[in-house]
Structures are given as C-alpha cells and as structure tokens.
C-alpha cells in the first residue's frame, strides 16, 4: 500500500515539464511514474482548459479514460515512467520587437516573447515558442490546435518560426522575455503607393528596410530613434537573411510635388506630361519607393520604371538633401 501511494504521489508531481507555446494554446508534456493498470490525474481547474481528446499517456498502452469532475481516470497496460501530454488553452504566446538607436548609427533589434498564463504556475524545464500567422479564435482553438499539430513538420511546425527560450517557472499573468538581439543598419524609406492622382502635393509614408538577422515572426515592432518614440508597426513574417520592410505612417516633412500638363489630345484619348518632384529633407540617404495604378486602358512612357499591367513601380535612391524630379507621359481615354 505504501509503495502504491508513493508511486501515485510521484505520478502526480511533474519531474520537469516540456512546454511548447503556440499562438492561442500550448502543448505540455509532464514526466510521471505510473502504478500498474490505473492512475488518477487530479487536474483540478486546469482540466477546463484542456481540450478533450488531447490528454494522453505516452509510454503505456491506454485502454480507457474517464473524466469525472476535475479528475481523469486512466486505465492502461504497463507501469513506470511515462509522459502525460495535453494541450492547454490557458497558456499562449506571441513575439514582439523593439528597434532602438540613433539616426546615424547602427540600431539594435530585440525580439521579445510575451507569454500569457491563466491558472496555476507551470515549471517549464524546456520552453519553446512557435510563432507566426496562426489566428486561433478562442472557441475554436482546441480543434485548430489538434489539426495544426497533426500537420506539423520537423523544424518549422505548420509554417511557424521556432524559438527556444530558457527554461523557467511560468507564473500566472503576462511574462515578457527578451530572447534574441542583433545590430542592424536599417535603410530609411519614403513611399508613395496609390492610384494616380493629380493633386499638387502627395503624402508619403516613412519606414525602414533591413535584412532579417534571425527569423522574424509576425508581431508588433516599436521604434525608438535618438531617444524619441517614432511609433509602432506590424512586422511581416521574414526568414533569416531576407529583407523586411516596416512602415510607421505618414511622413510630415517629406512630400511629393506634382504637376500635370496636357500635351496631346485626340478624338478618343489624351496624353499628359506628369512631373513628380521630391526633396530629401534629411541629413542621411533615403530610398523613394513609387507605385501608381491607372484606369485601363492606358499607355505609359516612363524610362527606368518597372511597367506593370496595372501601372508601374520604381525605386529611387536619394542622397542627403538631394532633390530629384521624375517625368513620365501618360495616355488615357478621354
């Protein structure tokens, strides 16, 4: 009897949990020592956050599970060391980023993990965060979680980025952990991307572009430059080594000046000379990204631009304080 109670006690105590955190849920594996044939898992309130069907005993051959209140009775063939595995919707995680530095010096990019835990603490001997574009509605999280794990492939389960975090005790509430840091030298961007307009002044957006120093999962980026908060922007998913772009909103100093002149007219169409001028107001170089669409049918004569079925795309480097004027001819139906 004493031996059975001792085995039961050991079975109830996790010897070091492995926790894999997904967007909206987590997978938990707890090593246990099982008595022969039957064992009761006293989950308590945690059971309400464990999707039925995800609770398993690995290492023995299960014969039956009976859910009774906050407990689960397992019947199985075997005994000794095993693993209790389940999905847990009370723990979720996401990635966010900070970018800090000066306008004329390298900046530091830091990736943070934000873990939210409801219920009792978890002792995560091994902690992994899988982050990416996986929007799980709370009511549907269990089904989505099971499907995602079934489709997982080694290294990058269901298209997410994998991050190994230091093992730790996770306490109820929100925990934020910086886990990756790298120096980056962002290229500063100005962008005008819109349907064709004849306004005298056109607004531009400001942003950054840099190679990803490590895999960048979708998340919020907060930018601070020279001690000033510049804003937040969504970070797009970017594999390591590829270039990523983030956009911080409208630039109040830089604007495009436009002049449109009709230079030809026929019975069915008219031709316009479109002049676009930009002065780089900053003491550092920027790249101007232009992209416009036109009503069809149209004809465009714009040397140097990438002509597209719907318009064009062009990137123009600008030195500090440089002024650049771009001209194209556009023919449209009258």
Protein backbone atom coordinates (compact mmCIF):
# COMPACT_ATOMS: atom_id res chain seq x y z
CA UNK A 1 0.00 0.00 0.00
CA UNK A 2 2.77 2.42 0.95
CA UNK A 3 4.59 1.63 -2.30
CA UNK A 4 1.44 2.24 -4.34
CA UNK A 5 0.86 5.59 -2.62
CA UNK A 6 4.46 6.58 -3.26
CA UNK A 7 4.13 5.74 -6.94
CA UNK A 8 0.86 7.66 -7.10
CA UNK A 9 2.49 10.69 -5.48
CA UNK A 10 5.38 10.59 -7.93
CA UNK A 11 2.91 10.32 -10.77
CA UNK A 12 1.18 13.48 -9.67
CA UNK A 13 4.38 15.51 -9.45
CA UNK A 14 5.88 16.74 -12.70
CA UNK A 15 9.57 15.96 -12.87
CA UNK A 16 10.22 18.76 -15.36
CA UNK A 17 7.65 19.86 -17.90
CA UNK A 18 8.34 20.44 -21.58
CA UNK A 19 6.19 23.31 -22.80
CA UNK A 20 5.70 24.33 -26.43
CA UNK A 21 3.77 27.60 -26.72
CA UNK A 22 1.70 28.35 -29.82
CA UNK A 23 -0.44 31.37 -30.69
CA UNK A 24 -3.56 30.68 -28.63
CA UNK A 25 -2.58 27.48 -26.84
CA UNK A 26 0.32 25.35 -25.59
CA UNK A 27 1.39 21.72 -25.62
CA UNK A 28 2.56 20.42 -22.24
CA UNK A 29 4.45 17.20 -21.52
CA UNK A 30 4.90 16.12 -17.90
CA UNK A 31 7.08 13.10 -16.97
CA UNK A 32 5.24 10.85 -14.49
CA UNK A 33 5.81 7.50 -12.76
CA UNK A 34 2.73 5.29 -13.07
CA UNK A 35 1.47 2.47 -10.85
CA UNK A 36 0.25 -0.66 -12.63
CA UNK A 37 -3.02 -0.61 -14.59
CA UNK A 38 -4.78 2.55 -13.30
CA UNK A 39 -3.94 6.10 -12.36
CA UNK A 40 -5.98 9.19 -11.50
CA UNK A 41 -4.82 12.54 -12.80
CA UNK A 42 -6.03 15.26 -10.44
CA UNK A 43 -6.14 18.16 -12.92
CA UNK A 44 -8.50 20.36 -10.90
CA UNK A 45 -9.38 23.67 -12.59
CA UNK A 46 -6.75 23.08 -15.27
CA UNK A 47 -8.96 20.41 -16.84
CA UNK A 48 -11.42 23.06 -18.06
CA UNK A 49 -8.64 24.44 -20.29
CA UNK A 50 -7.53 21.06 -21.65
CA UNK A 51 -9.35 20.19 -24.89
CA UNK A 52 -10.87 16.72 -24.66
CA UNK A 53 -9.01 14.31 -26.85
CA UNK A 54 -5.66 15.99 -26.33
CA UNK A 55 -4.92 14.39 -22.95
CA UNK A 56 -2.74 11.31 -23.44
CA UNK A 57 -0.38 8.99 -21.60
CA UNK A 58 2.70 8.31 -23.69
CA UNK A 59 4.80 5.26 -22.88
CA UNK A 60 1.96 2.92 -21.96
CA UNK A 61 -0.91 1.40 -23.94
CA UNK A 62 -4.09 3.21 -22.95
CA UNK A 63 -7.31 1.27 -22.59
CA UNK A 64 -9.73 3.88 -21.22
CA UNK A 65 -10.05 7.45 -19.94
CA UNK A 66 -12.89 8.51 -17.65
CA UNK A 67 -13.47 12.20 -16.93
CA UNK A 68 -15.04 12.87 -13.52
CA UNK A 69 -15.19 16.47 -12.37
CA UNK A 70 -11.65 17.76 -12.14
CA UNK A 71 -10.07 14.30 -12.36
CA UNK A 72 -9.30 11.83 -15.13
CA UNK A 73 -9.08 8.08 -14.53
CA UNK A 74 -6.65 6.33 -16.86
CA UNK A 75 -6.72 2.57 -17.44
CA UNK A 76 -3.75 1.17 -19.33
CA UNK A 77 -1.37 -1.70 -19.79
CA UNK A 78 2.06 -1.04 -18.32
CA UNK A 79 3.65 0.89 -15.47
CA UNK A 80 6.66 3.02 -14.54
CA UNK A 81 7.98 6.05 -16.37
CA UNK A 82 5.63 7.73 -18.85
CA UNK A 83 4.66 11.15 -20.13
CA UNK A 84 1.37 12.94 -19.58
CA UNK A 85 0.75 15.08 -22.66
CA UNK A 86 -2.05 17.60 -23.25
CA UNK A 87 -2.94 20.83 -24.99
CA UNK A 88 -3.63 23.79 -22.74
CA UNK A 89 -5.57 26.87 -23.85
CA UNK A 90 -4.66 28.71 -20.62
CA UNK A 91 -1.17 29.46 -22.00
CA UNK A 92 -0.45 31.36 -25.21
CA UNK A 93 2.47 33.26 -26.66
CA UNK A 94 3.45 35.83 -29.23
CA UNK A 95 6.54 37.70 -30.42
CA UNK A 96 7.09 41.46 -30.45
CA UNK A 97 10.12 43.59 -31.23
CA UNK A 98 11.92 46.79 -30.28
CA UNK A 99 14.24 48.75 -32.57
CA UNK A 100 16.43 51.33 -30.83
CA UNK A 101 19.35 53.57 -31.79
CA UNK A 102 20.39 56.79 -33.48
CA UNK A 103 19.69 58.09 -36.97
CA UNK A 104 23.37 57.96 -38.00
CA UNK A 105 24.48 54.84 -36.09
CA UNK A 106 23.53 51.13 -36.08
CA UNK A 107 20.33 50.23 -34.30
CA UNK A 108 19.59 47.26 -32.04
CA UNK A 109 16.75 44.90 -32.85
CA UNK A 110 15.42 42.85 -29.92
CA UNK A 111 12.92 40.02 -30.17
CA UNK A 112 10.69 39.51 -27.13
CA UNK A 113 8.40 36.65 -26.19
CA UNK A 114 5.12 37.57 -24.50
CA UNK A 115 3.62 34.60 -22.62
CA UNK A 116 0.16 34.76 -21.04
CA UNK A 117 -0.73 32.15 -18.45
CA UNK A 118 -4.08 31.59 -16.75
CA UNK A 119 -4.41 29.24 -13.80
CA UNK A 120 -1.60 27.71 -11.78
CA UNK A 121 2.13 28.07 -12.45
CA UNK A 122 3.99 25.79 -14.88
CA UNK A 123 7.55 24.60 -14.26
CA UNK A 124 8.94 24.56 -17.81
CA UNK A 125 12.19 22.60 -17.86
CA UNK A 126 12.23 23.12 -21.62
CA UNK A 127 10.38 26.06 -23.17
CA UNK A 128 9.77 26.55 -26.90
CA UNK A 129 7.80 29.29 -28.65
CA UNK A 130 6.30 28.67 -32.07
CA UNK A 131 5.16 31.97 -33.53
CA UNK A 132 3.64 33.03 -36.81
CA UNK A 133 0.43 33.72 -38.67
CA UNK A 134 -1.94 31.42 -36.79
CA UNK A 135 -5.03 33.33 -35.70
CA UNK A 136 -6.99 30.98 -33.46
CA UNK A 137 -10.41 32.03 -32.20
CA UNK A 138 -10.72 31.03 -28.57
CA UNK A 139 -13.83 28.97 -29.12
CA UNK A 140 -12.17 27.02 -31.94
CA UNK A 141 -8.64 26.82 -30.51
CA UNK A 142 -8.79 23.14 -29.48
CA UNK A 143 -9.77 21.89 -32.97
CA UNK A 144 -7.27 24.19 -34.66
CA UNK A 145 -4.57 23.13 -32.23
CA UNK A 146 -5.12 19.44 -32.90
CA UNK A 147 -5.15 19.98 -36.66
CA UNK A 148 -2.00 22.10 -36.55
CA UNK A 149 -0.07 19.53 -34.53
CA UNK A 150 -1.18 16.79 -36.90
CA UNK A 151 0.22 18.75 -39.85
CA UNK A 152 3.48 19.68 -38.11
CA UNK A 153 6.81 19.01 -39.80
CA UNK A 154 10.24 18.92 -38.08
CA UNK A 155 11.91 22.28 -37.57
CA UNK A 156 9.04 24.55 -38.55
CA UNK A 157 5.68 23.15 -37.40
CA UNK A 158 2.78 24.21 -39.62
CA UNK A 159 4.74 27.08 -41.16
CA UNK A 160 5.67 28.84 -37.93
CA UNK A 161 9.06 30.04 -36.67
CA UNK A 162 10.58 28.09 -33.79
CA UNK A 163 12.33 29.85 -30.89
CA UNK A 164 13.99 28.06 -27.97
CA UNK A 165 13.63 30.02 -24.72
CA UNK A 166 15.44 29.48 -21.41
CA UNK A 167 13.60 27.08 -19.14
CA UNK A 168 11.81 28.82 -16.28
CA UNK A 169 8.87 28.75 -13.93
CA UNK A 170 5.94 30.43 -15.64
CA UNK A 171 3.77 32.37 -13.22
CA UNK A 172 0.13 33.34 -13.77
CA UNK A 173 -0.17 36.60 -15.67
CA UNK A 174 1.91 38.00 -18.50
CA UNK A 175 5.65 37.35 -18.78
CA UNK A 176 7.85 39.18 -21.32
CA UNK A 177 11.28 37.75 -22.13
CA UNK A 178 13.93 39.20 -24.48
CA UNK A 179 15.47 36.23 -26.27
CA UNK A 180 17.26 37.46 -29.43
CA UNK A 181 19.27 40.62 -30.10
CA UNK A 182 21.19 41.87 -33.14
CA UNK A 183 22.65 45.09 -34.53
CA UNK A 184 21.02 46.26 -37.77
CA UNK A 185 21.63 49.18 -40.12
CA UNK A 186 18.17 49.99 -41.48
CA UNK A 187 17.74 51.72 -44.79
CA UNK A 188 15.28 54.59 -44.44
CA UNK A 189 12.39 54.60 -46.88
CA UNK A 190 9.81 57.02 -48.21
CA UNK A 191 6.87 55.53 -50.09
CA UNK A 192 4.01 56.73 -52.27
CA UNK A 193 1.69 53.89 -53.25
CA UNK A 194 -1.75 54.80 -54.56
CA UNK A 195 -3.97 55.17 -57.62
CA UNK A 196 -2.98 58.00 -59.98
CA UNK A 197 -3.78 61.45 -58.60
CA UNK A 198 -3.30 64.97 -59.93
CA UNK A 199 -3.09 66.70 -56.51
CA UNK A 200 -0.36 69.31 -56.25
CA UNK A 201 1.07 67.71 -53.07
CA UNK A 202 1.10 63.96 -52.41
CA UNK A 203 1.75 62.48 -48.93
CA UNK A 204 4.42 59.82 -48.40
CA UNK A 205 4.93 57.17 -45.72
CA UNK A 206 8.14 56.64 -43.79
CA UNK A 207 9.64 53.27 -42.98
CA UNK A 208 12.70 51.05 -42.60
CA UNK A 209 14.17 48.15 -44.57
CA UNK A 210 16.85 45.74 -43.35
CA UNK A 211 17.92 42.09 -43.71
CA UNK A 212 16.42 39.87 -41.04
CA UNK A 213 19.26 38.92 -38.62
CA UNK A 214 17.15 35.98 -37.43
CA UNK A 215 13.72 34.60 -38.42
CA UNK A 216 11.11 37.29 -37.85
CA UNK A 217 7.64 36.04 -36.98
CA UNK A 218 4.69 38.44 -37.37
CA UNK A 219 4.44 40.80 -34.44
CA UNK A 220 4.45 44.43 -33.39
CA UNK A 221 7.63 46.47 -33.79
CA UNK A 222 8.22 49.52 -31.57
CA UNK A 223 10.75 52.02 -32.92
CA UNK A 224 12.74 54.49 -30.81
CA UNK A 225 15.29 56.71 -32.54
CA UNK A 226 17.63 59.13 -30.75
CA UNK A 227 15.55 58.68 -27.61
CA UNK A 228 12.24 59.54 -29.28
CA UNK A 229 9.38 57.12 -29.77
CA UNK A 230 8.57 57.04 -33.50
CA UNK A 231 5.67 54.62 -33.44
CA UNK A 232 4.69 51.00 -33.81
CA UNK A 233 4.38 48.96 -36.98
CA UNK A 234 3.45 45.39 -37.91
CA UNK A 235 6.46 43.18 -38.60
CA UNK A 236 5.81 40.91 -41.59
CA UNK A 237 6.99 37.28 -41.46
CA UNK A 238 10.55 37.20 -42.81
CA UNK A 239 13.00 34.27 -42.99
CA UNK A 240 16.54 34.92 -41.78
CA UNK A 241 18.63 36.80 -44.35
CA UNK A 242 15.72 38.15 -46.39
CA UNK A 243 14.85 41.85 -46.39
CA UNK A 244 11.91 43.08 -44.38
CA UNK A 245 10.05 46.38 -44.58
CA UNK A 246 8.15 48.10 -41.78
CA UNK A 247 6.05 51.24 -42.19
CA UNK A 248 5.46 53.82 -39.46
CA UNK A 249 2.84 56.05 -41.08
CA UNK A 250 2.82 59.40 -42.81
CA UNK A 251 5.99 61.50 -43.04
CA UNK A 252 5.23 65.11 -42.18
CA UNK A 253 8.44 66.61 -43.59
CA UNK A 254 8.72 64.90 -46.95
CA UNK A 255 6.07 65.36 -49.66
CA UNK A 256 5.88 64.82 -53.39
CA UNK A 257 5.14 67.90 -55.50
CA UNK A 258 3.24 67.08 -58.71
CA UNK A 259 2.49 68.97 -61.88
CA UNK A 260 0.30 67.55 -64.64
CA UNK A 261 0.18 69.12 -68.11
CA UNK A 262 -1.90 68.02 -71.10
CA UNK A 263 0.46 67.77 -74.09
CA UNK A 264 -1.64 65.94 -76.66
CA UNK A 265 -5.28 65.35 -77.44
CA UNK A 266 -7.08 63.21 -79.96
CA UNK A 267 -10.63 62.20 -80.64
CA UNK A 268 -10.55 59.28 -78.21
CA UNK A 269 -7.57 59.85 -75.91
CA UNK A 270 -5.39 62.49 -74.27
CA UNK A 271 -1.70 62.47 -73.32
CA UNK A 272 -0.35 64.09 -70.16
CA UNK A 273 3.12 65.03 -69.01
CA UNK A 274 3.38 64.17 -65.29
CA UNK A 275 6.22 65.69 -63.28
CA UNK A 276 6.89 64.48 -59.72
CA UNK A 277 9.45 66.20 -57.53
CA UNK A 278 10.85 65.17 -54.14
CA UNK A 279 13.41 66.85 -51.92
CA UNK A 280 15.03 64.63 -49.30
CA UNK A 281 14.73 66.78 -46.16
CA UNK A 282 17.04 64.59 -44.06
CA UNK A 283 20.82 64.58 -43.39
CA UNK A 284 21.01 60.90 -44.33
CA UNK A 285 20.16 58.98 -47.52
CA UNK A 286 16.70 57.60 -48.17
CA UNK A 287 15.14 55.43 -50.83
CA UNK A 288 11.95 56.61 -52.51
CA UNK A 289 9.52 53.83 -53.47
CA UNK A 290 6.91 54.88 -56.03
CA UNK A 291 3.99 52.75 -57.16
CA UNK A 292 0.92 54.01 -59.02
CA UNK A 293 -2.03 52.37 -60.75
CA UNK A 294 -4.02 53.82 -63.65
CA UNK A 295 -7.53 53.34 -65.05
CA UNK A 296 -7.48 50.96 -68.00
CA UNK A 297 -6.75 51.17 -70.85
CA UNK A 298 -3.65 53.34 -70.57
CA UNK A 299 -0.23 53.79 -72.14
CA UNK A 300 2.80 54.79 -70.09
CA UNK A 301 6.20 56.05 -71.16
CA UNK A 302 8.40 56.09 -68.05
CA UNK A 303 12.09 55.22 -68.66
CA UNK A 304 13.67 53.34 -65.77
CA UNK A 305 10.40 52.22 -64.16
CA UNK A 306 9.11 48.66 -63.94
CA UNK A 307 5.95 48.72 -66.07
CA UNK A 308 3.10 46.59 -64.74
CA UNK A 309 -0.31 45.68 -66.21
CA UNK A 310 -1.94 47.99 -63.67
CA UNK A 311 0.71 50.77 -63.55
CA UNK A 312 4.36 50.97 -62.58
CA UNK A 313 6.86 50.53 -59.76
CA UNK A 314 10.09 52.47 -59.25
CA UNK A 315 12.77 52.81 -56.55
CA UNK A 316 14.93 55.95 -56.48
CA UNK A 317 17.90 56.45 -54.10
CA UNK A 318 18.25 59.98 -52.71
CA UNK A 319 21.36 61.42 -51.10
CA UNK A 320 21.07 63.73 -48.05
CA UNK A 321 19.17 66.90 -49.08
CA UNK A 322 19.07 65.77 -52.71
CA UNK A 323 16.25 66.95 -55.00
CA UNK A 324 15.02 64.60 -57.72
CA UNK A 325 12.46 65.26 -60.46
CA UNK A 326 10.81 62.38 -62.32
CA UNK A 327 8.81 62.74 -65.53
CA UNK A 328 6.56 60.33 -67.40
CA UNK A 329 3.97 60.52 -70.19
CA UNK A 330 0.57 59.01 -69.62
CA UNK A 331 -2.11 58.43 -72.26
CA UNK A 332 -5.68 57.86 -71.12
CA UNK A 333 -9.09 57.60 -72.81
CA UNK A 334 -10.97 60.88 -72.93
